[in-house]
């Protein structure tokens, strides 16, 4: 579990104990249930990164878009519902050359406009002669993006880089040197599902 989950769960558990003490034991039950949900929501399972020159998913969720972005680039969008693991991971290894925060809206993350209009954190990772861009995008319920990294940090493929709280979206933008391996409707897991492979490795 990530530390945020511990804080939420302990706070709600303490509130439940206090309410139960003041009003009777059963009155604290809703807060106990919320504490249990937060402990589950902020789970952080270990993942095995597949070998080869591949790019892995930065998030758990459902692929909702695979579309050309111009100049031979392809964007893959992943929607995370409230039941998915919300810890985000780097798709590729390399150096984080830029992290750009954009203050935006909180549209439903399943909508196409969320990729451009919502609050987001955009990472640029360069390594092995390629650059991959991926975004943490807030949603209708998500109101906070957490980033563990800073420009200049080195990352491995599948390494944890942050999280988005309570429903969100992740976009990954690949250059023409990548061959996508997913289609809309597929379920993916952060750090272990392959989104794309380097063309020269096929």
Protein backbone atom coordinates (compact mmCIF):
# COMPACT_ATOMS: atom_id res chain seq x y z
CA UNK A 1 0.00 0.00 0.00
CA UNK A 2 1.25 3.51 -0.76
CA UNK A 3 1.64 5.93 2.15
CA UNK A 4 -1.36 8.03 1.09
CA UNK A 5 -3.60 5.03 1.70
CA UNK A 6 -2.22 4.57 5.20
CA UNK A 7 -2.98 8.19 6.09
CA UNK A 8 -6.52 8.05 4.67
CA UNK A 9 -7.28 4.72 6.32
CA UNK A 10 -5.91 5.73 9.71
CA UNK A 11 -7.79 9.02 9.63
CA UNK A 12 -11.08 7.36 8.81
CA UNK A 13 -10.47 4.59 11.33
CA UNK A 14 -9.79 7.18 14.04
CA UNK A 15 -12.94 9.05 13.06
CA UNK A 16 -14.95 5.84 13.23
CA UNK A 17 -13.65 5.05 16.70
CA UNK A 18 -14.46 8.57 17.88
CA UNK A 19 -17.98 8.53 16.41
CA UNK A 20 -18.58 5.07 17.84
CA UNK A 21 -17.44 6.21 21.26
CA UNK A 22 -19.66 9.30 21.25
CA UNK A 23 -22.78 7.98 19.50
CA UNK A 24 -22.64 4.22 19.82
CA UNK A 25 -20.53 1.50 18.14
CA UNK A 26 -22.69 1.03 15.05
CA UNK A 27 -22.48 4.71 14.05
CA UNK A 28 -18.82 4.34 13.29
CA UNK A 29 -19.39 1.54 10.74
CA UNK A 30 -19.55 3.78 7.61
CA UNK A 31 -16.16 5.26 8.47
CA UNK A 32 -14.72 1.79 9.07
CA UNK A 33 -15.94 0.72 5.62
CA UNK A 34 -14.41 3.81 4.02
CA UNK A 35 -11.13 3.09 5.81
CA UNK A 36 -11.14 -0.45 4.43
CA UNK A 37 -11.89 0.86 0.92
CA UNK A 38 -8.99 3.34 1.07
CA UNK A 39 -6.62 0.61 2.23
CA UNK A 40 -7.71 -1.49 -0.76
CA UNK A 41 -7.77 1.39 -3.26
CA UNK A 42 -4.18 2.43 -2.53
CA UNK A 43 -2.81 -1.07 -3.01
CA UNK A 44 0.52 -1.30 -4.82
CA UNK A 45 1.18 -4.84 -6.11
CA UNK A 46 4.54 -5.92 -7.45
CA UNK A 47 4.76 -6.34 -11.22
CA UNK A 48 7.15 -8.24 -13.50
CA UNK A 49 8.43 -6.16 -16.42
CA UNK A 50 8.63 -8.21 -19.63
CA UNK A 51 12.03 -8.49 -21.36
CA UNK A 52 12.99 -6.98 -24.69
CA UNK A 53 12.79 -3.53 -26.24
CA UNK A 54 9.21 -2.92 -25.19
CA UNK A 55 7.15 -0.14 -23.66
CA UNK A 56 4.88 -1.17 -20.80
CA UNK A 57 1.62 0.34 -19.67
CA UNK A 58 1.95 3.24 -17.22
CA UNK A 59 -1.37 2.36 -15.62
CA UNK A 60 -3.91 -0.33 -14.90
CA UNK A 61 -7.13 0.12 -16.84
CA UNK A 62 -8.90 -0.15 -20.16
CA UNK A 63 -7.43 1.01 -23.47
CA UNK A 64 -9.99 3.47 -24.83
CA UNK A 65 -8.06 5.10 -27.69
CA UNK A 66 -5.31 4.09 -30.13
CA UNK A 67 -5.00 6.90 -32.65
CA UNK A 68 -2.49 8.68 -34.91
CA UNK A 69 -1.19 11.97 -33.54
CA UNK A 70 0.62 13.28 -36.63
CA UNK A 71 4.30 13.06 -37.65
CA UNK A 72 4.06 9.27 -37.41
CA UNK A 73 3.20 9.35 -33.72
CA UNK A 74 0.54 7.25 -32.01
CA UNK A 75 -1.40 8.03 -28.84
CA UNK A 76 -2.68 5.28 -26.57
CA UNK A 77 -5.18 6.37 -23.90
CA UNK A 78 -5.95 4.25 -20.84
CA UNK A 79 -8.97 4.89 -18.62
CA UNK A 80 -8.70 3.97 -14.94
CA UNK A 81 -11.92 3.41 -13.06
CA UNK A 82 -12.16 3.68 -9.30
CA UNK A 83 -11.52 -0.06 -8.89
CA UNK A 84 -8.16 -0.07 -10.72
CA UNK A 85 -4.73 0.24 -9.11
CA UNK A 86 -3.81 3.92 -9.41
CA UNK A 87 -0.03 3.76 -9.03
CA UNK A 88 1.62 4.90 -12.26
CA UNK A 89 4.82 3.51 -13.78
CA UNK A 90 7.26 4.61 -16.46
CA UNK A 91 6.62 2.92 -19.85
CA UNK A 92 10.33 2.85 -20.72
CA UNK A 93 13.71 3.24 -19.10
CA UNK A 94 15.84 6.35 -19.52
CA UNK A 95 16.18 9.87 -18.17
CA UNK A 96 13.22 12.09 -17.38
CA UNK A 97 14.10 15.13 -19.46
CA UNK A 98 10.97 17.10 -18.62
CA UNK A 99 7.91 17.10 -16.37
CA UNK A 100 5.28 19.68 -17.23
CA UNK A 101 2.24 20.37 -15.04
CA UNK A 102 -0.88 21.74 -16.73
CA UNK A 103 -3.67 23.16 -14.59
CA UNK A 104 -6.91 22.28 -16.34
CA UNK A 105 -10.45 20.99 -15.98
CA UNK A 106 -11.82 17.88 -14.30
CA UNK A 107 -13.87 16.39 -17.13
CA UNK A 108 -14.85 12.73 -17.12
CA UNK A 109 -11.56 10.96 -17.90
CA UNK A 110 -13.32 8.67 -20.40
CA UNK A 111 -14.06 11.63 -22.69
CA UNK A 112 -11.67 12.45 -25.58
CA UNK A 113 -11.38 16.06 -24.41
CA UNK A 114 -9.75 14.88 -21.16
CA UNK A 115 -6.49 14.30 -23.06
CA UNK A 116 -6.16 18.01 -23.81
CA UNK A 117 -8.36 19.93 -21.37
CA UNK A 118 -7.94 18.24 -17.99
CA UNK A 119 -5.39 18.85 -15.28
CA UNK A 120 -2.34 16.75 -16.13
CA UNK A 121 1.31 15.99 -15.55
CA UNK A 122 3.32 15.29 -18.71
CA UNK A 123 6.54 13.25 -18.53
CA UNK A 124 9.16 13.09 -21.27
CA UNK A 125 11.52 10.11 -20.98
CA UNK A 126 14.53 9.69 -23.27
CA UNK A 127 16.62 6.54 -23.44
CA UNK A 128 18.02 3.98 -25.88
CA UNK A 129 17.81 6.51 -28.69
CA UNK A 130 14.06 7.18 -28.35
CA UNK A 131 11.74 9.56 -26.54
CA UNK A 132 8.38 8.57 -25.07
CA UNK A 133 5.85 11.02 -23.63
CA UNK A 134 3.22 9.96 -21.13
CA UNK A 135 0.64 11.85 -19.10
CA UNK A 136 -1.06 11.51 -15.74
CA UNK A 137 -4.50 13.02 -16.32
CA UNK A 138 -7.00 13.86 -13.61
CA UNK A 139 -10.65 12.92 -14.04
CA UNK A 140 -14.09 13.82 -12.76
CA UNK A 141 -13.43 12.29 -9.34
CA UNK A 142 -9.63 12.48 -9.24
CA UNK A 143 -8.58 15.79 -7.77
CA UNK A 144 -4.92 15.25 -7.10
CA UNK A 145 -2.00 14.05 -9.19
CA UNK A 146 1.00 12.84 -7.22
CA UNK A 147 4.46 12.80 -8.82
CA UNK A 148 7.46 11.10 -7.20
CA UNK A 149 10.03 12.20 -9.78
CA UNK A 150 11.79 15.33 -11.07
CA UNK A 151 13.58 16.22 -14.33
CA UNK A 152 16.98 14.59 -14.55
CA UNK A 153 15.96 11.45 -12.65
CA UNK A 154 16.81 8.10 -14.19
CA UNK A 155 14.01 5.54 -14.37
CA UNK A 156 13.69 1.89 -15.30
CA UNK A 157 10.81 0.55 -17.37
CA UNK A 158 7.98 -0.23 -14.97
CA UNK A 159 9.37 1.94 -12.17
CA UNK A 160 6.82 3.74 -10.00
CA UNK A 161 6.64 7.45 -10.83
CA UNK A 162 3.48 8.60 -9.06
CA UNK A 163 -0.25 8.06 -8.69
CA UNK A 164 -3.59 9.68 -9.43
CA UNK A 165 -6.30 9.58 -6.80
CA UNK A 166 -9.75 8.18 -7.53
CA UNK A 167 -10.47 7.66 -11.23
CA UNK A 168 -8.30 9.05 -14.00
CA UNK A 169 -6.58 8.55 -17.36
CA UNK A 170 -3.07 7.96 -18.69
CA UNK A 171 -1.95 8.78 -22.23
CA UNK A 172 1.23 7.52 -23.88
CA UNK A 173 2.58 9.00 -27.11
CA UNK A 174 4.93 6.88 -29.21
CA UNK A 175 7.06 7.90 -32.18
CA UNK A 176 7.16 6.09 -35.55
CA UNK A 177 9.87 3.72 -34.30
CA UNK A 178 7.27 1.86 -32.21
CA UNK A 179 4.72 -0.77 -33.23
CA UNK A 180 1.62 -0.72 -31.02
CA UNK A 181 0.49 -4.02 -29.52
CA UNK A 182 -2.91 -3.07 -28.07
CA UNK A 183 -6.35 -2.19 -29.38
CA UNK A 184 -9.31 -0.33 -27.81
CA UNK A 185 -11.18 -2.43 -25.29
CA UNK A 186 -8.15 -4.34 -24.00
CA UNK A 187 -7.36 -4.40 -20.28
CA UNK A 188 -3.77 -3.58 -19.31
CA UNK A 189 -1.70 -3.68 -16.14
CA UNK A 190 0.91 -1.10 -15.18
CA UNK A 191 4.47 -2.30 -15.56
CA UNK A 192 3.63 -5.70 -17.02
CA UNK A 193 1.41 -5.26 -20.09
CA UNK A 194 3.23 -4.43 -23.33
CA UNK A 195 1.79 -1.41 -25.15
CA UNK A 196 4.35 -1.23 -27.96
CA UNK A 197 7.56 -2.81 -29.28
CA UNK A 198 10.50 -1.27 -31.07
CA UNK A 199 10.08 -2.07 -34.77
CA UNK A 200 13.68 -3.14 -35.29
CA UNK A 201 13.30 -5.74 -32.54
CA UNK A 202 10.50 -7.62 -34.29
